[in-house]
Amino acid sequence: MNKKPETNTDDEMRPEYDFSGGVRGEYYEAYQQSTNIVVLEPDVAEVFRDSAAVNEALRLLTKIAKSTAA
């Protein structure tokens, strides 16, 4: 006798969610390497177009902070 699995009534998935184009494990390797993902506000993103620009600015800010703390 086959028993139908019980459905979870607390499921937050809505019918309009579409994962048909999703790729399982797409970010798995990056996550395992402890990659930090930071979302920039739109006004900041206008100034810093890529991660290299953000990293350069943060390194400069860190250098300035260290030099004034000494």
PDB file of N, CA and C in Angstrom:
ATOM      1  N   MET A   1       0.832  -1.171   0.000  1.00  0.00           N
ATOM      2  CA  MET A   1       0.000   0.000   0.000  1.00  0.00           C
ATOM      3  C   MET A   1       0.885   1.245   0.000  1.00  0.00           C
ATOM      4  N   ASN A   2       0.707   2.108  -1.000  1.00  0.00           N
ATOM      5  CA  ASN A   2       1.467   3.339  -1.080  1.00  0.00           C
ATOM      6  C   ASN A   2       0.752   4.442  -0.314  1.00  0.00           C
ATOM      7  N   LYS A   3       1.507   5.078   0.565  1.00  0.00           N
ATOM      8  CA  LYS A   3       0.933   6.162   1.358  1.00  0.00           C
ATOM      9  C   LYS A   3       1.418   7.494   0.789  1.00  0.00           C
ATOM     10  N   LYS A   4       0.520   8.418   0.570  1.00  0.00           N
ATOM     11  CA  LYS A   4       0.862   9.734   0.037  1.00  0.00           C
ATOM     12  C   LYS A   4       1.586  10.535   1.117  1.00  0.00           C
ATOM     13  N   PRO A   5       2.714  11.157   0.767  1.00  0.00           N
ATOM     14  CA  PRO A   5       3.437  11.939   1.774  1.00  0.00           C
ATOM     15  C   PRO A   5       2.584  13.103   2.256  1.00  0.00           C
ATOM     16  N   GLU A   6       2.750  13.419   3.536  1.00  0.00           N
ATOM     17  CA  GLU A   6       2.005  14.533   4.103  1.00  0.00           C
ATOM     18  C   GLU A   6       2.561  15.849   3.565  1.00  0.00           C
ATOM     19  N   THR A   7       1.691  16.813   3.335  1.00  0.00           N
ATOM     20  CA  THR A   7       2.133  18.131   2.878  1.00  0.00           C
ATOM     21  C   THR A   7       2.293  19.037   4.078  1.00  0.00           C
ATOM     22  N   ASN A   8       3.266  19.893   4.008  1.00  0.00           N
ATOM     23  CA  ASN A   8       3.549  20.838   5.081  1.00  0.00           C
ATOM     24  C   ASN A   8       2.711  22.091   4.862  1.00  0.00           C
ATOM     25  N   THR A   9       1.774  22.343   5.740  1.00  0.00           N
ATOM     26  CA  THR A   9       0.915  23.514   5.585  1.00  0.00           C
ATOM     27  C   THR A   9       1.621  24.800   5.979  1.00  0.00           C
ATOM     28  N   ASP A  10       2.778  24.708   6.629  1.00  0.00           N
ATOM     29  CA  ASP A  10       3.544  25.885   7.026  1.00  0.00           C
ATOM     30  C   ASP A  10       4.547  26.298   5.948  1.00  0.00           C
ATOM     31  N   ASP A  11       4.517  25.646   4.810  1.00  0.00           N
ATOM     32  CA  ASP A  11       5.459  25.929   3.726  1.00  0.00           C
ATOM     33  C   ASP A  11       5.276  27.361   3.235  1.00  0.00           C
ATOM     34  N   GLU A  12       6.382  28.109   3.150  1.00  0.00           N
ATOM     35  CA  GLU A  12       6.319  29.500   2.725  1.00  0.00           C
ATOM     36  C   GLU A  12       6.495  29.661   1.220  1.00  0.00           C
ATOM     37  N   MET A  13       6.650  28.572   0.504  1.00  0.00           N
ATOM     38  CA  MET A  13       6.826  28.657  -0.940  1.00  0.00           C
ATOM     39  C   MET A  13       5.502  29.030  -1.593  1.00  0.00           C
ATOM     40  N   ARG A  14       5.553  30.004  -2.459  1.00  0.00           N
ATOM     41  CA  ARG A  14       4.351  30.444  -3.156  1.00  0.00           C
ATOM     42  C   ARG A  14       4.344  29.859  -4.563  1.00  0.00           C
ATOM     43  N   PRO A  15       3.168  29.678  -5.133  1.00  0.00           N
ATOM     44  CA  PRO A  15       3.079  29.101  -6.479  1.00  0.00           C
ATOM     45  C   PRO A  15       3.809  29.927  -7.540  1.00  0.00           C
ATOM     46  N   GLU A  16       3.950  31.243  -7.316  1.00  0.00           N
ATOM     47  CA  GLU A  16       4.593  32.085  -8.326  1.00  0.00           C
ATOM     48  C   GLU A  16       6.117  32.008  -8.311  1.00  0.00           C
ATOM     49  N   TYR A  17       6.706  31.348  -7.312  1.00  0.00           N
ATOM     50  CA  TYR A  17       8.152  31.173  -7.291  1.00  0.00           C
ATOM     51  C   TYR A  17       8.549  30.217  -8.404  1.00  0.00           C
ATOM     52  N   ASP A  18       9.548  30.607  -9.172  1.00  0.00           N
ATOM     53  CA  ASP A  18       9.970  29.781 -10.310  1.00  0.00           C
ATOM     54  C   ASP A  18      11.470  29.518 -10.216  1.00  0.00           C
ATOM     55  N   PHE A  19      11.828  28.320  -9.894  1.00  0.00           N
ATOM     56  CA  PHE A  19      13.240  27.938  -9.797  1.00  0.00           C
ATOM     57  C   PHE A  19      13.679  27.086 -10.976  1.00  0.00           C
ATOM     58  N   SER A  20      12.912  27.106 -12.054  1.00  0.00           N
ATOM     59  CA  SER A  20      13.218  26.249 -13.196  1.00  0.00           C
ATOM     60  C   SER A  20      14.566  26.582 -13.830  1.00  0.00           C
ATOM     61  N   GLY A  21      15.027  27.814 -13.692  1.00  0.00           N
ATOM     62  CA  GLY A  21      16.327  28.194 -14.251  1.00  0.00           C
ATOM     63  C   GLY A  21      17.449  28.139 -13.230  1.00  0.00           C
ATOM     64  N   GLY A  22      17.127  27.671 -12.041  1.00  0.00           N
ATOM     65  CA  GLY A  22      18.124  27.619 -10.974  1.00  0.00           C
ATOM     66  C   GLY A  22      19.169  26.546 -11.202  1.00  0.00           C
ATOM     67  N   VAL A  23      20.342  26.769 -10.608  1.00  0.00           N
ATOM     68  CA  VAL A  23      21.435  25.809 -10.709  1.00  0.00           C
ATOM     69  C   VAL A  23      21.807  25.391  -9.293  1.00  0.00           C
ATOM     70  N   ARG A  24      21.621  24.140  -8.997  1.00  0.00           N
ATOM     71  CA  ARG A  24      21.930  23.641  -7.657  1.00  0.00           C
ATOM     72  C   ARG A  24      23.437  23.721  -7.404  1.00  0.00           C
ATOM     73  N   GLY A  25      23.798  24.317  -6.280  1.00  0.00           N
ATOM     74  CA  GLY A  25      25.197  24.393  -5.871  1.00  0.00           C
ATOM     75  C   GLY A  25      26.024  25.415  -6.629  1.00  0.00           C
ATOM     76  N   GLU A  26      25.387  26.367  -7.292  1.00  0.00           N
ATOM     77  CA  GLU A  26      26.124  27.333  -8.117  1.00  0.00           C
ATOM     78  C   GLU A  26      27.152  28.122  -7.304  1.00  0.00           C
ATOM     79  N   TYR A  27      26.842  28.454  -6.069  1.00  0.00           N
ATOM     80  CA  TYR A  27      27.740  29.255  -5.242  1.00  0.00           C
ATOM     81  C   TYR A  27      28.389  28.447  -4.136  1.00  0.00           C
ATOM     82  N   TYR A  28      28.306  27.144  -4.221  1.00  0.00           N
ATOM     83  CA  TYR A  28      28.810  26.278  -3.169  1.00  0.00           C
ATOM     84  C   TYR A  28      30.312  26.472  -2.930  1.00  0.00           C
ATOM     85  N   GLU A  29      31.098  26.464  -3.988  1.00  0.00           N
ATOM     86  CA  GLU A  29      32.554  26.590  -3.841  1.00  0.00           C
ATOM     87  C   GLU A  29      32.935  27.928  -3.213  1.00  0.00           C
ATOM     88  N   ALA A  30      32.328  29.007  -3.670  1.00  0.00           N
ATOM     89  CA  ALA A  30      32.621  30.329  -3.115  1.00  0.00           C
ATOM     90  C   ALA A  30      32.240  30.375  -1.631  1.00  0.00           C
ATOM     91  N   TYR A  31      31.120  29.772  -1.293  1.00  0.00           N
ATOM     92  CA  TYR A  31      30.677  29.746   0.097  1.00  0.00           C
ATOM     93  C   TYR A  31      31.675  28.959   0.955  1.00  0.00           C
ATOM     94  N   GLN A  32      32.171  27.870   0.449  1.00  0.00           N
ATOM     95  CA  GLN A  32      33.132  27.047   1.185  1.00  0.00           C
ATOM     96  C   GLN A  32      34.448  27.785   1.404  1.00  0.00           C
ATOM     97  N   GLN A  33      34.762  28.743   0.549  1.00  0.00           N
ATOM     98  CA  GLN A  33      36.001  29.507   0.681  1.00  0.00           C
ATOM     99  C   GLN A  33      35.807  30.739   1.561  1.00  0.00           C
ATOM    100  N   SER A  34      34.655  30.819   2.217  1.00  0.00           N
ATOM    101  CA  SER A  34      34.323  31.919   3.121  1.00  0.00           C
ATOM    102  C   SER A  34      34.298  33.267   2.413  1.00  0.00           C
ATOM    103  N   THR A  35      33.816  33.279   1.189  1.00  0.00           N
ATOM    104  CA  THR A  35      33.683  34.521   0.464  1.00  0.00           C
ATOM    105  C   THR A  35      32.604  35.359   1.115  1.00  0.00           C
ATOM    106  N   ASN A  36      32.904  36.628   1.332  1.00  0.00           N
ATOM    107  CA  ASN A  36      31.926  37.545   1.886  1.00  0.00           C
ATOM    108  C   ASN A  36      31.237  38.281   0.753  1.00  0.00           C
ATOM    109  N   ILE A  37      29.945  38.303   0.802  1.00  0.00           N
ATOM    110  CA  ILE A  37      29.179  39.039  -0.195  1.00  0.00           C
ATOM    111  C   ILE A  37      28.598  40.255   0.489  1.00  0.00           C
ATOM    112  N   VAL A  38      28.850  41.419  -0.075  1.00  0.00           N
ATOM    113  CA  VAL A  38      28.356  42.667   0.473  1.00  0.00           C
ATOM    114  C   VAL A  38      27.519  43.340  -0.592  1.00  0.00           C
ATOM    115  N   VAL A  39      26.339  43.785  -0.203  1.00  0.00           N
ATOM    116  CA  VAL A  39      25.460  44.482  -1.133  1.00  0.00           C
ATOM    117  C   VAL A  39      25.589  45.975  -0.880  1.00  0.00           C
ATOM    118  N   LEU A  40      25.951  46.702  -1.913  1.00  0.00           N
ATOM    119  CA  LEU A  40      26.129  48.146  -1.792  1.00  0.00           C
ATOM    120  C   LEU A  40      24.817  48.866  -2.045  1.00  0.00           C
ATOM    121  N   GLU A  41      24.628  49.956  -1.351  1.00  0.00           N
ATOM    122  CA  GLU A  41      23.482  50.808  -1.616  1.00  0.00           C
ATOM    123  C   GLU A  41      23.685  51.436  -3.001  1.00  0.00           C
ATOM    124  N   PRO A  42      22.610  51.768  -3.703  1.00  0.00           N
ATOM    125  CA  PRO A  42      22.720  52.295  -5.068  1.00  0.00           C
ATOM    126  C   PRO A  42      23.626  53.510  -5.211  1.00  0.00           C
ATOM    127  N   ASP A  43      23.588  54.438  -4.250  1.00  0.00           N
ATOM    128  CA  ASP A  43      24.429  55.638  -4.359  1.00  0.00           C
ATOM    129  C   ASP A  43      25.909  55.299  -4.229  1.00  0.00           C
ATOM    130  N   VAL A  44      26.225  54.311  -3.410  1.00  0.00           N
ATOM    131  CA  VAL A  44      27.625  53.881  -3.255  1.00  0.00           C
ATOM    132  C   VAL A  44      28.059  53.107  -4.491  1.00  0.00           C
ATOM    133  N   ALA A  45      27.183  52.287  -5.033  1.00  0.00           N
ATOM    134  CA  ALA A  45      27.500  51.493  -6.219  1.00  0.00           C
ATOM    135  C   ALA A  45      27.790  52.376  -7.429  1.00  0.00           C
ATOM    136  N   GLU A  46      27.227  53.571  -7.468  1.00  0.00           N
ATOM    137  CA  GLU A  46      27.524  54.496  -8.566  1.00  0.00           C
ATOM    138  C   GLU A  46      28.977  54.935  -8.549  1.00  0.00           C
ATOM    139  N   VAL A  47      29.551  55.029  -7.363  1.00  0.00           N
ATOM    140  CA  VAL A  47      30.944  55.480  -7.222  1.00  0.00           C
ATOM    141  C   VAL A  47      31.911  54.313  -7.388  1.00  0.00           C
ATOM    142  N   PHE A  48      31.582  53.173  -6.799  1.00  0.00           N
ATOM    143  CA  PHE A  48      32.448  52.004  -6.829  1.00  0.00           C
ATOM    144  C   PHE A  48      31.855  50.980  -7.788  1.00  0.00           C
ATOM    145  N   ARG A  49      32.365  50.938  -8.986  1.00  0.00           N
ATOM    146  CA  ARG A  49      31.782  50.114 -10.052  1.00  0.00           C
ATOM    147  C   ARG A  49      32.091  48.624  -9.949  1.00  0.00           C
ATOM    148  N   ASP A  50      33.164  48.275  -9.213  1.00  0.00           N
ATOM    149  CA  ASP A  50      33.515  46.854  -9.108  1.00  0.00           C
ATOM    150  C   ASP A  50      34.193  46.583  -7.772  1.00  0.00           C
ATOM    151  N   SER A  51      34.437  45.314  -7.494  1.00  0.00           N
ATOM    152  CA  SER A  51      35.025  44.939  -6.209  1.00  0.00           C
ATOM    153  C   SER A  51      36.439  45.470  -6.046  1.00  0.00           C
ATOM    154  N   ALA A  52      37.177  45.612  -7.125  1.00  0.00           N
ATOM    155  CA  ALA A  52      38.536  46.145  -7.033  1.00  0.00           C
ATOM    156  C   ALA A  52      38.522  47.583  -6.512  1.00  0.00           C
ATOM    157  N   ALA A  53      37.579  48.385  -6.973  1.00  0.00           N
ATOM    158  CA  ALA A  53      37.476  49.774  -6.516  1.00  0.00           C
ATOM    159  C   ALA A  53      37.087  49.839  -5.038  1.00  0.00           C
ATOM    160  N   VAL A  54      36.182  48.968  -4.626  1.00  0.00           N
ATOM    161  CA  VAL A  54      35.775  48.926  -3.221  1.00  0.00           C
ATOM    162  C   VAL A  54      36.950  48.497  -2.359  1.00  0.00           C
ATOM    163  N   ASN A  55      37.666  47.462  -2.765  1.00  0.00           N
ATOM    164  CA  ASN A  55      38.815  46.987  -1.996  1.00  0.00           C
ATOM    165  C   ASN A  55      39.892  48.053  -1.887  1.00  0.00           C
ATOM    166  N   GLU A  56      40.160  48.745  -2.965  1.00  0.00           N
ATOM    167  CA  GLU A  56      41.172  49.814  -2.949  1.00  0.00           C
ATOM    168  C   GLU A  56      40.778  50.908  -1.961  1.00  0.00           C
ATOM    169  N   ALA A  57      39.531  51.323  -1.989  1.00  0.00           N
ATOM    170  CA  ALA A  57      39.066  52.374  -1.085  1.00  0.00           C
ATOM    171  C   ALA A  57      39.135  51.920   0.374  1.00  0.00           C
ATOM    172  N   LEU A  58      38.740  50.686   0.640  1.00  0.00           N
ATOM    173  CA  LEU A  58      38.772  50.188   2.014  1.00  0.00           C
ATOM    174  C   LEU A  58      40.202  50.025   2.518  1.00  0.00           C
ATOM    175  N   ARG A  59      41.106  49.599   1.656  1.00  0.00           N
ATOM    176  CA  ARG A  59      42.513  49.497   2.078  1.00  0.00           C
ATOM    177  C   ARG A  59      43.086  50.870   2.408  1.00  0.00           C
ATOM    178  N   LEU A  60      42.741  51.867   1.601  1.00  0.00           N
ATOM    179  CA  LEU A  60      43.200  53.235   1.852  1.00  0.00           C
ATOM    180  C   LEU A  60      42.616  53.748   3.167  1.00  0.00           C
ATOM    181  N   LEU A  61      41.341  53.512   3.390  1.00  0.00           N
ATOM    182  CA  LEU A  61      40.692  53.939   4.625  1.00  0.00           C
ATOM    183  C   LEU A  61      41.332  53.248   5.833  1.00  0.00           C
ATOM    184  N   THR A  62      41.640  51.977   5.707  1.00  0.00           N
ATOM    185  CA  THR A  62      42.299  51.241   6.785  1.00  0.00           C
ATOM    186  C   THR A  62      43.678  51.810   7.081  1.00  0.00           C
ATOM    187  N   LYS A  63      44.418  52.136   6.017  1.00  0.00           N
ATOM    188  CA  LYS A  63      45.756  52.717   6.166  1.00  0.00           C
ATOM    189  C   LYS A  63      45.681  54.059   6.877  1.00  0.00           C
ATOM    190  N   ILE A  64      44.715  54.875   6.503  1.00  0.00           N
ATOM    191  CA  ILE A  64      44.543  56.201   7.131  1.00  0.00           C
ATOM    192  C   ILE A  64      44.165  56.029   8.613  1.00  0.00           C
ATOM    193  N   ALA A  65      43.253  55.104   8.887  1.00  0.00           N
ATOM    194  CA  ALA A  65      42.822  54.877  10.264  1.00  0.00           C
ATOM    195  C   ALA A  65      43.987  54.411  11.131  1.00  0.00           C
ATOM    196  N   LYS A  66      44.802  53.532  10.594  1.00  0.00           N
ATOM    197  CA  LYS A  66      45.953  53.035  11.362  1.00  0.00           C
ATOM    198  C   LYS A  66      46.971  54.143  11.600  1.00  0.00           C
ATOM    199  N   SER A  67      47.193  55.009  10.614  1.00  0.00           N
ATOM    200  CA  SER A  67      48.197  56.064  10.757  1.00  0.00           C
ATOM    201  C   SER A  67      47.743  57.141  11.738  1.00  0.00           C
ATOM    202  N   THR A  68      46.452  57.392  11.847  1.00  0.00           N
ATOM    203  CA  THR A  68      45.967  58.419  12.785  1.00  0.00           C
ATOM    204  C   THR A  68      45.816  57.849  14.188  1.00  0.00           C
ATOM    205  N   ALA A  69      45.719  56.537  14.323  1.00  0.00           N
ATOM    206  CA  ALA A  69      45.568  55.915  15.630  1.00  0.00           C
ATOM    207  C   ALA A  69      46.913  55.825  16.364  1.00  0.00           C
ATOM    208  N   ALA A  70      47.987  55.889  15.643  1.00  0.00           N
ATOM    209  CA  ALA A  70      49.316  55.714  16.251  1.00  0.00           C
ATOM    210  C   ALA A  70      49.831  56.946  16.927  1.00  0.00           C
TER     211      ALA A  70
END
